[in-house]
Structure formats: structure tokens, C-alpha cells
């Protein structure tokens, strides 16, 4: 399977979800905002959106086709801003709506208490429900809820196979953090890490991970 095939598999997963409609023309952007409890004493947030590795590659591919400018030249991946960098501040629009990740597509729905393939307290799952989101395809939603827990696992498997990281980066991960890969991270963090040099990894990655890895 090629990377293009992986993107097609992603699209199948996304297309299996019932469509939703936001009923509010104005809101507090809660679904596109970073959690206040995810900020440290220095005002540093865990950036958004959280994505699987294969979703990062899919979004990056979309951005490269959309513009010749590099993503960081257009979007603010700062860790001190509260709003997702892909959210249009002046409307309800998302600039990557076509390829928005699974975690974003889940928001607003009533779902089983599972996130990132891990069971969570029921109240945590309940917290993402939004009364101002309308489910447009009721029958499709029923099937989606049945498939929902397993979809996280499908995305994880695709991300194991299609990682954005190089072999030497994975070797450093194994040495520094005891894992050969990072499956889930914020888009901005994936973007940052994939662009760093070997020298940066050997000198700074461990300290970086102690700050950002603990936020996951």
C-alpha cells in the first residue's frame, strides 16, 4: 500500500461518519480551542489539532497542494495561543475542513467513552457533546457509533505503517523516550519535529519531550 492508498483509507473512514451541521452562526469556538487545563505555569498550551501521524501527513499533503507557501508562513503554531491555527478567527470556517482529523470530526457527538483507543470516564466523553450540532444522517450515525471504538485502532495501525518520522529519528525516540515512534501529537508539534536536524535531536529532544510529551 502506498501513501496515497493510506490517504484513501483515511477518506473511507471519514466518509463512513454521518455528516453534522453547526446550528450557531456565532459561538465561543470551544470545539476549536485548547483546553485551559492543558496550559502550564509558563502559559504554554498543548497545541491543536491533535492528530495521528498518518493524519498529519494527509493534512500536510493538502496544505502543500493548496499553497506554495510553507505551513508555518501561513499558520500560527505558537504554543501560547488558545485557538486552533487552522480555525478562521472571523467565522465558523475551518481552513482544512476537507481533511480535518478524526478527533475534530468526533466533536459535538454523543460517543462511547473511548478516545485515542483508550477507555475514559463517561463524563469525559459526554463533555464533547454539543447541543448546537445536528446529526444529519441518523442511520449512518448508528453504524458509526458501533464502529467508533475500532476506528481509533485503525488510525493507529495506519500511523505505525506510515510514520512522518525517518529511521534515524525513530532510533533517537527509542533511545530517549523508550518508544520507536510518536503516533499522536499536535499538528504543529509533528511539523516542528519532522523538520529538526540530527544535532537538534541529540541536544534538545529529551528536554523538549519532557515538556510537550507530558501534555499528551
C-alpha atoms as a PDB file:
ATOM      1  CA  UNK A   1       0.000   0.000   0.000  1.00  0.00           C
ATOM      2  CA  UNK A   2       1.368   3.419  -0.973  1.00  0.00           C
ATOM      3  CA  UNK A   3       0.923   6.648   0.977  1.00  0.00           C
ATOM      4  CA  UNK A   4      -1.796   7.654  -1.494  1.00  0.00           C
ATOM      5  CA  UNK A   5      -3.578   4.397  -0.649  1.00  0.00           C
ATOM      6  CA  UNK A   6      -3.300   5.278   3.036  1.00  0.00           C
ATOM      7  CA  UNK A   7      -4.919   8.641   2.319  1.00  0.00           C
ATOM      8  CA  UNK A   8      -7.735   6.810   0.508  1.00  0.00           C
ATOM      9  CA  UNK A   9      -8.212   4.595   3.575  1.00  0.00           C
ATOM     10  CA  UNK A  10      -8.435   7.720   5.696  1.00  0.00           C
ATOM     11  CA  UNK A  11     -11.073   9.149   3.398  1.00  0.00           C
ATOM     12  CA  UNK A  12     -13.104   5.937   3.689  1.00  0.00           C
ATOM     13  CA  UNK A  13     -13.015   6.260   7.458  1.00  0.00           C
ATOM     14  CA  UNK A  14     -14.053   9.899   7.326  1.00  0.00           C
ATOM     15  CA  UNK A  15     -16.801   9.213   4.765  1.00  0.00           C
ATOM     16  CA  UNK A  16     -18.237   6.489   7.000  1.00  0.00           C
ATOM     17  CA  UNK A  17     -19.159   9.142   9.554  1.00  0.00           C
ATOM     18  CA  UNK A  18     -22.530  10.826   9.436  1.00  0.00           C
ATOM     19  CA  UNK A  19     -22.419  14.470   8.440  1.00  0.00           C
ATOM     20  CA  UNK A  20     -23.090  17.167  11.011  1.00  0.00           C
ATOM     21  CA  UNK A  21     -24.244  20.767  10.867  1.00  0.00           C
ATOM     22  CA  UNK A  22     -23.312  23.519  13.304  1.00  0.00           C
ATOM     23  CA  UNK A  23     -26.519  25.403  14.136  1.00  0.00           C
ATOM     24  CA  UNK A  24     -24.886  28.515  15.554  1.00  0.00           C
ATOM     25  CA  UNK A  25     -23.522  31.264  13.353  1.00  0.00           C
ATOM     26  CA  UNK A  26     -21.594  32.570  16.344  1.00  0.00           C
ATOM     27  CA  UNK A  27     -20.157  30.610  19.258  1.00  0.00           C
ATOM     28  CA  UNK A  28     -17.239  30.577  21.655  1.00  0.00           C
ATOM     29  CA  UNK A  29     -15.166  28.294  19.396  1.00  0.00           C
ATOM     30  CA  UNK A  30     -14.996  25.743  22.196  1.00  0.00           C
ATOM     31  CA  UNK A  31     -14.576  22.852  19.742  1.00  0.00           C
ATOM     32  CA  UNK A  32     -11.532  24.565  18.186  1.00  0.00           C
ATOM     33  CA  UNK A  33      -9.933  25.825  21.390  1.00  0.00           C
ATOM     34  CA  UNK A  34      -7.185  24.391  23.526  1.00  0.00           C
ATOM     35  CA  UNK A  35      -8.191  23.125  26.942  1.00  0.00           C
ATOM     36  CA  UNK A  36      -7.421  25.595  29.755  1.00  0.00           C
ATOM     37  CA  UNK A  37      -6.214  22.705  31.944  1.00  0.00           C
ATOM     38  CA  UNK A  38      -3.606  21.860  29.284  1.00  0.00           C
ATOM     39  CA  UNK A  39      -1.608  25.024  29.943  1.00  0.00           C
ATOM     40  CA  UNK A  40       1.446  25.056  32.195  1.00  0.00           C
ATOM     41  CA  UNK A  41       2.789  27.701  34.579  1.00  0.00           C
ATOM     42  CA  UNK A  42       4.514  29.422  31.650  1.00  0.00           C
ATOM     43  CA  UNK A  43       1.286  29.775  29.672  1.00  0.00           C
ATOM     44  CA  UNK A  44       2.306  27.063  27.206  1.00  0.00           C
ATOM     45  CA  UNK A  45      -0.606  25.075  25.752  1.00  0.00           C
ATOM     46  CA  UNK A  46      -0.684  21.687  24.096  1.00  0.00           C
ATOM     47  CA  UNK A  47      -1.296  22.885  20.522  1.00  0.00           C
ATOM     48  CA  UNK A  48      -4.170  21.763  18.306  1.00  0.00           C
ATOM     49  CA  UNK A  49      -5.297  19.854  16.410  1.00  0.00           C
ATOM     50  CA  UNK A  50      -4.246  16.537  17.904  1.00  0.00           C
ATOM     51  CA  UNK A  51      -3.771  14.089  15.042  1.00  0.00           C
ATOM     52  CA  UNK A  52      -2.459  10.641  14.275  1.00  0.00           C
ATOM     53  CA  UNK A  53       0.783  10.512  12.307  1.00  0.00           C
ATOM     54  CA  UNK A  54      -0.953   9.433   9.095  1.00  0.00           C
ATOM     55  CA  UNK A  55      -3.449  12.285   9.500  1.00  0.00           C
ATOM     56  CA  UNK A  56      -0.570  14.741   9.854  1.00  0.00           C
ATOM     57  CA  UNK A  57       0.805  13.520   6.523  1.00  0.00           C
ATOM     58  CA  UNK A  58      -2.638  13.825   4.951  1.00  0.00           C
ATOM     59  CA  UNK A  59      -3.116  17.402   6.164  1.00  0.00           C
ATOM     60  CA  UNK A  60       0.421  18.341   5.137  1.00  0.00           C
ATOM     61  CA  UNK A  61      -0.203  16.933   1.658  1.00  0.00           C
ATOM     62  CA  UNK A  62      -3.404  19.002   1.444  1.00  0.00           C
ATOM     63  CA  UNK A  63      -1.614  22.202   2.531  1.00  0.00           C
ATOM     64  CA  UNK A  64       1.193  21.707   0.025  1.00  0.00           C
ATOM     65  CA  UNK A  65      -1.324  21.337  -2.800  1.00  0.00           C
ATOM     66  CA  UNK A  66      -3.257  24.358  -1.576  1.00  0.00           C
ATOM     67  CA  UNK A  67      -0.345  26.792  -1.376  1.00  0.00           C
ATOM     68  CA  UNK A  68       3.317  27.097  -2.345  1.00  0.00           C
ATOM     69  CA  UNK A  69       3.978  28.804   0.991  1.00  0.00           C
ATOM     70  CA  UNK A  70       5.209  26.683   3.879  1.00  0.00           C
ATOM     71  CA  UNK A  71       2.606  25.996   6.598  1.00  0.00           C
ATOM     72  CA  UNK A  72       4.453  27.991   9.270  1.00  0.00           C
ATOM     73  CA  UNK A  73       4.429  31.015   6.947  1.00  0.00           C
ATOM     74  CA  UNK A  74       0.612  30.970   6.923  1.00  0.00           C
ATOM     75  CA  UNK A  75      -0.453  29.487  10.253  1.00  0.00           C
ATOM     76  CA  UNK A  76       0.477  30.315  13.826  1.00  0.00           C
ATOM     77  CA  UNK A  77       1.668  27.163  15.556  1.00  0.00           C
ATOM     78  CA  UNK A  78       2.542  29.117  18.688  1.00  0.00           C
ATOM     79  CA  UNK A  79       2.046  27.294  21.978  1.00  0.00           C
ATOM     80  CA  UNK A  80       0.670  30.430  23.653  1.00  0.00           C
ATOM     81  CA  UNK A  81      -2.452  30.983  21.525  1.00  0.00           C
ATOM     82  CA  UNK A  82      -5.721  29.360  22.551  1.00  0.00           C
ATOM     83  CA  UNK A  83      -7.351  28.822  19.161  1.00  0.00           C
ATOM     84  CA  UNK A  84      -6.522  26.079  16.642  1.00  0.00           C
ATOM     85  CA  UNK A  85      -4.227  27.566  13.953  1.00  0.00           C
ATOM     86  CA  UNK A  86      -6.499  26.268  11.182  1.00  0.00           C
ATOM     87  CA  UNK A  87      -9.613  27.987  12.560  1.00  0.00           C
ATOM     88  CA  UNK A  88     -10.750  31.154  10.803  1.00  0.00           C
ATOM     89  CA  UNK A  89     -10.955  33.697  13.617  1.00  0.00           C
ATOM     90  CA  UNK A  90     -13.654  35.722  11.837  1.00  0.00           C
ATOM     91  CA  UNK A  91     -16.095  32.923  11.014  1.00  0.00           C
ATOM     92  CA  UNK A  92     -17.044  29.353  11.861  1.00  0.00           C
ATOM     93  CA  UNK A  93     -14.896  28.076   8.981  1.00  0.00           C
ATOM     94  CA  UNK A  94     -12.003  25.600   9.210  1.00  0.00           C
ATOM     95  CA  UNK A  95      -9.273  26.072   6.591  1.00  0.00           C
ATOM     96  CA  UNK A  96      -8.560  22.311   6.467  1.00  0.00           C
ATOM     97  CA  UNK A  97     -12.178  21.188   6.766  1.00  0.00           C
ATOM     98  CA  UNK A  98     -11.867  18.639   3.941  1.00  0.00           C
ATOM     99  CA  UNK A  99      -9.051  16.812   5.740  1.00  0.00           C
ATOM    100  CA  UNK A 100      -9.767  17.706   9.369  1.00  0.00           C
ATOM    101  CA  UNK A 101      -8.722  14.846  11.666  1.00  0.00           C
ATOM    102  CA  UNK A 102     -10.894  12.195  13.249  1.00  0.00           C
ATOM    103  CA  UNK A 103     -10.703  13.849  16.671  1.00  0.00           C
ATOM    104  CA  UNK A 104     -12.267  17.013  15.199  1.00  0.00           C
ATOM    105  CA  UNK A 105     -14.963  15.060  13.356  1.00  0.00           C
ATOM    106  CA  UNK A 106     -15.968  13.338  16.601  1.00  0.00           C
ATOM    107  CA  UNK A 107     -16.630  16.604  18.434  1.00  0.00           C
ATOM    108  CA  UNK A 108     -20.243  17.514  19.030  1.00  0.00           C
ATOM    109  CA  UNK A 109     -21.474  13.909  19.003  1.00  0.00           C
ATOM    110  CA  UNK A 110     -22.611  11.521  21.702  1.00  0.00           C
ATOM    111  CA  UNK A 111     -19.977   8.797  21.586  1.00  0.00           C
ATOM    112  CA  UNK A 112     -18.856   5.823  23.699  1.00  0.00           C
ATOM    113  CA  UNK A 113     -16.226   6.668  26.382  1.00  0.00           C
ATOM    114  CA  UNK A 114     -13.199   5.909  24.198  1.00  0.00           C
ATOM    115  CA  UNK A 115     -10.565   8.366  22.951  1.00  0.00           C
ATOM    116  CA  UNK A 116      -7.333   7.546  21.114  1.00  0.00           C
ATOM    117  CA  UNK A 117      -8.221   3.873  21.561  1.00  0.00           C
ATOM    118  CA  UNK A 118      -8.298   4.117  25.368  1.00  0.00           C
ATOM    119  CA  UNK A 119     -11.353   3.883  27.621  1.00  0.00           C
ATOM    120  CA  UNK A 120     -12.015   7.110  29.518  1.00  0.00           C
ATOM    121  CA  UNK A 121     -14.525   8.189  32.186  1.00  0.00           C
ATOM    122  CA  UNK A 122     -18.032   8.596  30.817  1.00  0.00           C
ATOM    123  CA  UNK A 123     -18.098  12.283  31.809  1.00  0.00           C
ATOM    124  CA  UNK A 124     -15.090  12.934  29.589  1.00  0.00           C
ATOM    125  CA  UNK A 125     -16.883  11.512  26.557  1.00  0.00           C
ATOM    126  CA  UNK A 126     -20.049  13.388  27.480  1.00  0.00           C
ATOM    127  CA  UNK A 127     -18.111  16.661  27.604  1.00  0.00           C
ATOM    128  CA  UNK A 128     -17.576  16.782  23.820  1.00  0.00           C
ATOM    129  CA  UNK A 129     -21.324  16.693  23.067  1.00  0.00           C
ATOM    130  CA  UNK A 130     -22.734  19.972  21.753  1.00  0.00           C
ATOM    131  CA  UNK A 131     -26.469  20.661  21.624  1.00  0.00           C
ATOM    132  CA  UNK A 132     -25.869  23.038  18.729  1.00  0.00           C
ATOM    133  CA  UNK A 133     -24.557  20.262  16.466  1.00  0.00           C
ATOM    134  CA  UNK A 134     -27.139  18.467  14.333  1.00  0.00           C
ATOM    135  CA  UNK A 135     -26.566  14.895  13.135  1.00  0.00           C
ATOM    136  CA  UNK A 136     -27.768  14.865   9.525  1.00  0.00           C
ATOM    137  CA  UNK A 137     -27.701  11.133   8.757  1.00  0.00           C
ATOM    138  CA  UNK A 138     -29.306   9.222  11.615  1.00  0.00           C
ATOM    139  CA  UNK A 139     -28.897   5.713  10.181  1.00  0.00           C
ATOM    140  CA  UNK A 140     -25.263   6.336   9.309  1.00  0.00           C
ATOM    141  CA  UNK A 141     -24.691   7.627  12.820  1.00  0.00           C
ATOM    142  CA  UNK A 142     -25.955   4.363  14.309  1.00  0.00           C
ATOM    143  CA  UNK A 143     -23.381   2.379  12.316  1.00  0.00           C
ATOM    144  CA  UNK A 144     -20.674   4.907  13.138  1.00  0.00           C
ATOM    145  CA  UNK A 145     -21.265   4.535  16.886  1.00  0.00           C
ATOM    146  CA  UNK A 146     -20.874   0.764  16.527  1.00  0.00           C
ATOM    147  CA  UNK A 147     -17.625   1.204  14.607  1.00  0.00           C
ATOM    148  CA  UNK A 148     -16.359   4.135  16.680  1.00  0.00           C
ATOM    149  CA  UNK A 149     -14.007   2.372  19.157  1.00  0.00           C
ATOM    150  CA  UNK A 150     -12.339   0.349  16.421  1.00  0.00           C
ATOM    151  CA  UNK A 151     -11.680   3.364  14.209  1.00  0.00           C
ATOM    152  CA  UNK A 152      -9.115   4.693  16.683  1.00  0.00           C
ATOM    153  CA  UNK A 153      -7.246   1.402  16.313  1.00  0.00           C
ATOM    154  CA  UNK A 154      -7.416   1.557  12.509  1.00  0.00           C
ATOM    155  CA  UNK A 155      -5.856   5.019  12.585  1.00  0.00           C
ATOM    156  CA  UNK A 156      -3.135   3.834  14.958  1.00  0.00           C
ATOM    157  CA  UNK A 157      -2.248   0.916  12.663  1.00  0.00           C
ATOM    158  CA  UNK A 158      -2.064   3.205   9.635  1.00  0.00           C
ATOM    159  CA  UNK A 159       0.189   5.536  11.621  1.00  0.00           C
ATOM    160  CA  UNK A 160       2.511   2.683  12.599  1.00  0.00           C
ATOM    161  CA  UNK A 161       2.915   1.856   8.931  1.00  0.00           C
ATOM    162  CA  UNK A 162       3.026   5.432   7.611  1.00  0.00           C
ATOM    163  CA  UNK A 163       5.009   7.450  10.110  1.00  0.00           C
ATOM    164  CA  UNK A 164       6.127  11.014   9.342  1.00  0.00           C
ATOM    165  CA  UNK A 165       9.464  10.296  11.007  1.00  0.00           C
ATOM    166  CA  UNK A 166      12.688   8.993   9.469  1.00  0.00           C
ATOM    167  CA  UNK A 167      14.510   5.845  10.669  1.00  0.00           C
ATOM    168  CA  UNK A 168      17.200   7.883  12.444  1.00  0.00           C
ATOM    169  CA  UNK A 169      14.553   9.965  14.230  1.00  0.00           C
ATOM    170  CA  UNK A 170      12.828   6.772  15.366  1.00  0.00           C
ATOM    171  CA  UNK A 171      16.146   5.454  16.685  1.00  0.00           C
ATOM    172  CA  UNK A 172      16.522   8.589  18.775  1.00  0.00           C
ATOM    173  CA  UNK A 173      12.963   8.217  20.078  1.00  0.00           C
ATOM    174  CA  UNK A 174      13.755   4.682  21.203  1.00  0.00           C
ATOM    175  CA  UNK A 175      16.919   5.836  22.957  1.00  0.00           C
ATOM    176  CA  UNK A 176      15.484   8.975  24.560  1.00  0.00           C
ATOM    177  CA  UNK A 177      11.870   8.016  25.383  1.00  0.00           C
ATOM    178  CA  UNK A 178      11.740   4.240  25.017  1.00  0.00           C
ATOM    179  CA  UNK A 179       9.381   4.244  22.039  1.00  0.00           C
ATOM    180  CA  UNK A 180      10.189   3.839  18.347  1.00  0.00           C
ATOM    181  CA  UNK A 181       7.550   6.298  17.176  1.00  0.00           C
ATOM    182  CA  UNK A 182       5.133   9.031  18.188  1.00  0.00           C
ATOM    183  CA  UNK A 183       1.662   8.073  16.969  1.00  0.00           C
ATOM    184  CA  UNK A 184      -0.357  11.016  18.288  1.00  0.00           C
ATOM    185  CA  UNK A 185       0.690  14.633  18.634  1.00  0.00           C
ATOM    186  CA  UNK A 186      -0.443  18.114  17.723  1.00  0.00           C
ATOM    187  CA  UNK A 187      -0.088  19.017  14.052  1.00  0.00           C
ATOM    188  CA  UNK A 188       2.288  21.859  14.900  1.00  0.00           C
ATOM    189  CA  UNK A 189       4.450  19.563  17.002  1.00  0.00           C
ATOM    190  CA  UNK A 190       4.665  16.925  14.270  1.00  0.00           C
ATOM    191  CA  UNK A 191       5.565  19.698  11.839  1.00  0.00           C
ATOM    192  CA  UNK A 192       8.250  21.044  14.160  1.00  0.00           C
ATOM    193  CA  UNK A 193       9.808  17.676  14.996  1.00  0.00           C
ATOM    194  CA  UNK A 194       9.933  16.376  11.430  1.00  0.00           C
ATOM    195  CA  UNK A 195      11.904  19.452  10.406  1.00  0.00           C
ATOM    196  CA  UNK A 196      14.648  19.336  13.031  1.00  0.00           C
ATOM    197  CA  UNK A 197      18.245  18.283  12.420  1.00  0.00           C
ATOM    198  CA  UNK A 198      20.143  15.369  13.909  1.00  0.00           C
ATOM    199  CA  UNK A 199      22.135  17.827  16.027  1.00  0.00           C
ATOM    200  CA  UNK A 200      18.933  19.301  17.466  1.00  0.00           C
ATOM    201  CA  UNK A 201      17.591  15.865  18.331  1.00  0.00           C
ATOM    202  CA  UNK A 202      20.761  14.803  20.122  1.00  0.00           C
ATOM    203  CA  UNK A 203      20.971  18.048  22.117  1.00  0.00           C
ATOM    204  CA  UNK A 204      17.412  19.196  22.746  1.00  0.00           C
ATOM    205  CA  UNK A 205      14.815  16.499  22.077  1.00  0.00           C
ATOM    206  CA  UNK A 206      14.815  14.958  25.547  1.00  0.00           C
ATOM    207  CA  UNK A 207      14.153  18.320  27.246  1.00  0.00           C
ATOM    208  CA  UNK A 208      11.537  19.173  24.637  1.00  0.00           C
ATOM    209  CA  UNK A 209       9.739  15.879  25.210  1.00  0.00           C
ATOM    210  CA  UNK A 210       9.712  16.356  28.987  1.00  0.00           C
ATOM    211  CA  UNK A 211       7.621  19.479  28.420  1.00  0.00           C
ATOM    212  CA  UNK A 212       5.390  18.584  25.460  1.00  0.00           C
ATOM    213  CA  UNK A 213       5.223  14.806  25.871  1.00  0.00           C
ATOM    214  CA  UNK A 214       3.809  15.193  29.371  1.00  0.00           C
ATOM    215  CA  UNK A 215       0.895  17.151  27.927  1.00  0.00           C
ATOM    216  CA  UNK A 216      -0.344  14.245  25.856  1.00  0.00           C
END
